[in-house]
Amino acid sequence: MYKILNYLKDLFSWARLKAFFFILLFLLMGELISYLFALPVGGNIIGMVLLFVALKYKWAPLSAIKPAADKLIEFLVVFFIPYGVGLMVYFDMIKSYWLPLSIAVIASTLLTLYVTAIILQKTGK
């Protein structure tokens, strides 16, 4: 029982709640930009880019966002469950086109790894 209470106390700490607020604020800004300018890009993507830019140029301190980001990464696998379940609706189509889909997935994964390696070499990290 003590572990659960301690976990909940940590989960709802002021630092973590403030960090979630920062992340939600950037999500709201992205959604507003997407809605006001009728952009074909989702507001969540625009919000992520805005958050990245704010962190890159130190407009938002990493210490203010890190507590929530750490907790979200801890539960990252849970966010993929709805997409996996939704994908099963198209099982017959996937079964029909398994070879082109497999090639596309493998090719895009290899391309992503290649581009990431080049970027890491160029930036020296």
Protein backbone atom coordinates (compact mmCIF):
# COMPACT_ATOMS: atom_id res chain seq x y z
CA MET A 1 0.00 0.00 0.00
CA TYR A 2 2.86 2.36 0.86
CA LYS A 3 4.41 1.83 -2.59
CA ILE A 4 1.16 2.76 -4.33
CA LEU A 5 0.75 5.92 -2.26
CA ASN A 6 4.35 6.90 -2.85
CA TYR A 7 3.94 6.27 -6.60
CA LEU A 8 0.78 8.40 -6.74
CA LYS A 9 2.45 11.15 -4.73
CA ASP A 10 5.33 11.16 -7.22
CA LEU A 11 2.97 10.99 -10.21
CA PHE A 12 0.99 14.02 -9.09
CA SER A 13 3.86 16.13 -7.79
CA TRP A 14 3.82 19.84 -8.57
CA ALA A 15 6.89 19.58 -10.78
CA ARG A 16 5.30 16.84 -12.88
CA LEU A 17 1.94 18.62 -13.11
CA LYS A 18 3.71 21.81 -14.20
CA ALA A 19 5.64 19.83 -16.81
CA PHE A 20 2.41 18.28 -18.16
CA PHE A 21 0.95 21.78 -18.31
CA PHE A 22 3.90 22.96 -20.45
CA ILE A 23 3.46 20.03 -22.83
CA LEU A 24 -0.29 20.60 -23.07
CA LEU A 25 0.31 24.32 -23.65
CA PHE A 26 2.49 23.53 -26.68
CA LEU A 27 -0.13 21.05 -27.90
CA LEU A 28 -2.79 23.77 -27.60
CA MET A 29 -0.61 26.25 -29.50
CA GLY A 30 -0.07 23.70 -32.25
CA GLU A 31 -3.78 22.93 -32.49
CA LEU A 32 -4.62 26.64 -32.65
CA ILE A 33 -2.07 27.28 -35.38
CA SER A 34 -3.32 24.27 -37.34
CA TYR A 35 -6.95 25.39 -36.97
CA LEU A 36 -6.46 29.12 -37.64
CA PHE A 37 -4.32 28.66 -40.73
CA ALA A 38 -6.19 25.53 -41.96
CA LEU A 39 -2.92 23.63 -42.28
CA PRO A 40 -2.93 20.04 -43.53
CA VAL A 41 -0.56 19.11 -40.67
CA GLY A 42 -1.97 17.98 -37.34
CA GLY A 43 -1.78 20.33 -34.39
CA ASN A 44 0.06 17.74 -32.33
CA ILE A 45 2.90 17.71 -34.86
CA ILE A 46 3.08 21.50 -34.94
CA GLY A 47 3.05 21.53 -31.13
CA MET A 48 5.93 19.06 -31.03
CA VAL A 49 7.93 21.21 -33.45
CA LEU A 50 7.21 24.29 -31.34
CA LEU A 51 8.29 22.43 -28.20
CA PHE A 52 11.47 21.29 -29.95
CA VAL A 53 12.28 24.86 -31.05
CA ALA A 54 11.56 26.20 -27.55
CA LEU A 55 13.89 23.62 -26.01
CA LYS A 56 16.56 24.10 -28.67
CA TYR A 57 16.74 27.87 -28.16
CA LYS A 58 16.25 27.54 -24.39
CA TRP A 59 12.98 29.51 -24.35
CA ALA A 60 11.58 26.69 -22.23
CA PRO A 61 13.93 25.09 -19.72
CA LEU A 62 14.40 21.34 -20.02
CA SER A 63 14.04 20.99 -16.24
CA ALA A 64 10.47 22.28 -16.54
CA ILE A 65 9.46 19.60 -19.06
CA LYS A 66 11.63 16.60 -18.15
CA PRO A 67 9.49 15.19 -15.29
CA ALA A 68 6.45 14.73 -17.55
CA ALA A 69 8.54 13.57 -20.50
CA ASP A 70 10.15 10.85 -18.40
CA LYS A 71 6.76 9.60 -17.24
CA LEU A 72 5.32 9.67 -20.79
CA ILE A 73 8.27 7.65 -22.09
CA GLU A 74 7.70 5.13 -19.30
CA PHE A 75 4.18 4.51 -20.67
CA LEU A 76 5.03 4.93 -24.37
CA VAL A 77 4.07 1.38 -25.34
CA VAL A 78 0.52 1.98 -24.08
CA PHE A 79 0.04 4.76 -26.66
CA PHE A 80 0.54 2.27 -29.52
CA ILE A 81 -2.17 -0.16 -28.41
CA PRO A 82 -5.12 1.72 -30.02
CA TYR A 83 -3.29 1.89 -33.35
CA GLY A 84 -2.47 -1.81 -33.24
CA VAL A 85 -6.09 -2.69 -32.47
CA GLY A 86 -7.35 -0.31 -35.17
CA LEU A 87 -4.99 -1.90 -37.66
CA MET A 88 -6.75 -5.25 -37.20
CA VAL A 89 -9.86 -3.75 -38.81
CA TYR A 90 -7.91 -3.85 -42.09
CA PHE A 91 -6.53 -7.37 -41.60
CA ASP A 92 -7.97 -8.66 -44.91
CA MET A 93 -6.37 -5.81 -46.84
CA ILE A 94 -3.07 -6.34 -45.06
CA LYS A 95 -3.24 -10.04 -45.85
CA SER A 96 -3.79 -9.23 -49.53
CA TYR A 97 -0.89 -6.78 -49.76
CA TRP A 98 1.55 -8.27 -47.25
CA LEU A 99 4.54 -8.28 -49.63
CA PRO A 100 4.42 -4.61 -50.75
CA LEU A 101 3.67 -3.55 -47.17
CA SER A 102 6.60 -5.58 -45.83
CA ILE A 103 8.94 -4.12 -48.42
CA ALA A 104 7.73 -0.59 -47.64
CA VAL A 105 8.19 -1.08 -43.89
CA ILE A 106 11.68 -2.57 -44.28
CA ALA A 107 12.77 0.08 -46.80
CA SER A 108 11.49 2.98 -44.71
CA THR A 109 13.14 1.55 -41.58
CA LEU A 110 16.49 1.19 -43.35
CA LEU A 111 16.18 4.70 -44.83
CA THR A 112 15.41 6.12 -41.39
CA LEU A 113 18.41 4.36 -39.85
CA TYR A 114 20.66 5.57 -42.69
CA VAL A 115 19.52 9.21 -42.44
CA THR A 116 19.81 9.13 -38.64
CA ALA A 117 23.37 7.77 -38.88
CA ILE A 118 24.35 10.49 -41.36
CA ILE A 119 22.87 13.23 -39.16
CA LEU A 120 24.66 11.86 -36.09
CA GLN A 121 27.96 11.76 -37.99
CA LYS A 122 27.51 15.33 -39.25
CA THR A 123 26.61 16.73 -35.83
CA GLY A 124 29.36 14.75 -34.10
CA LYS A 125 27.16 13.26 -31.38
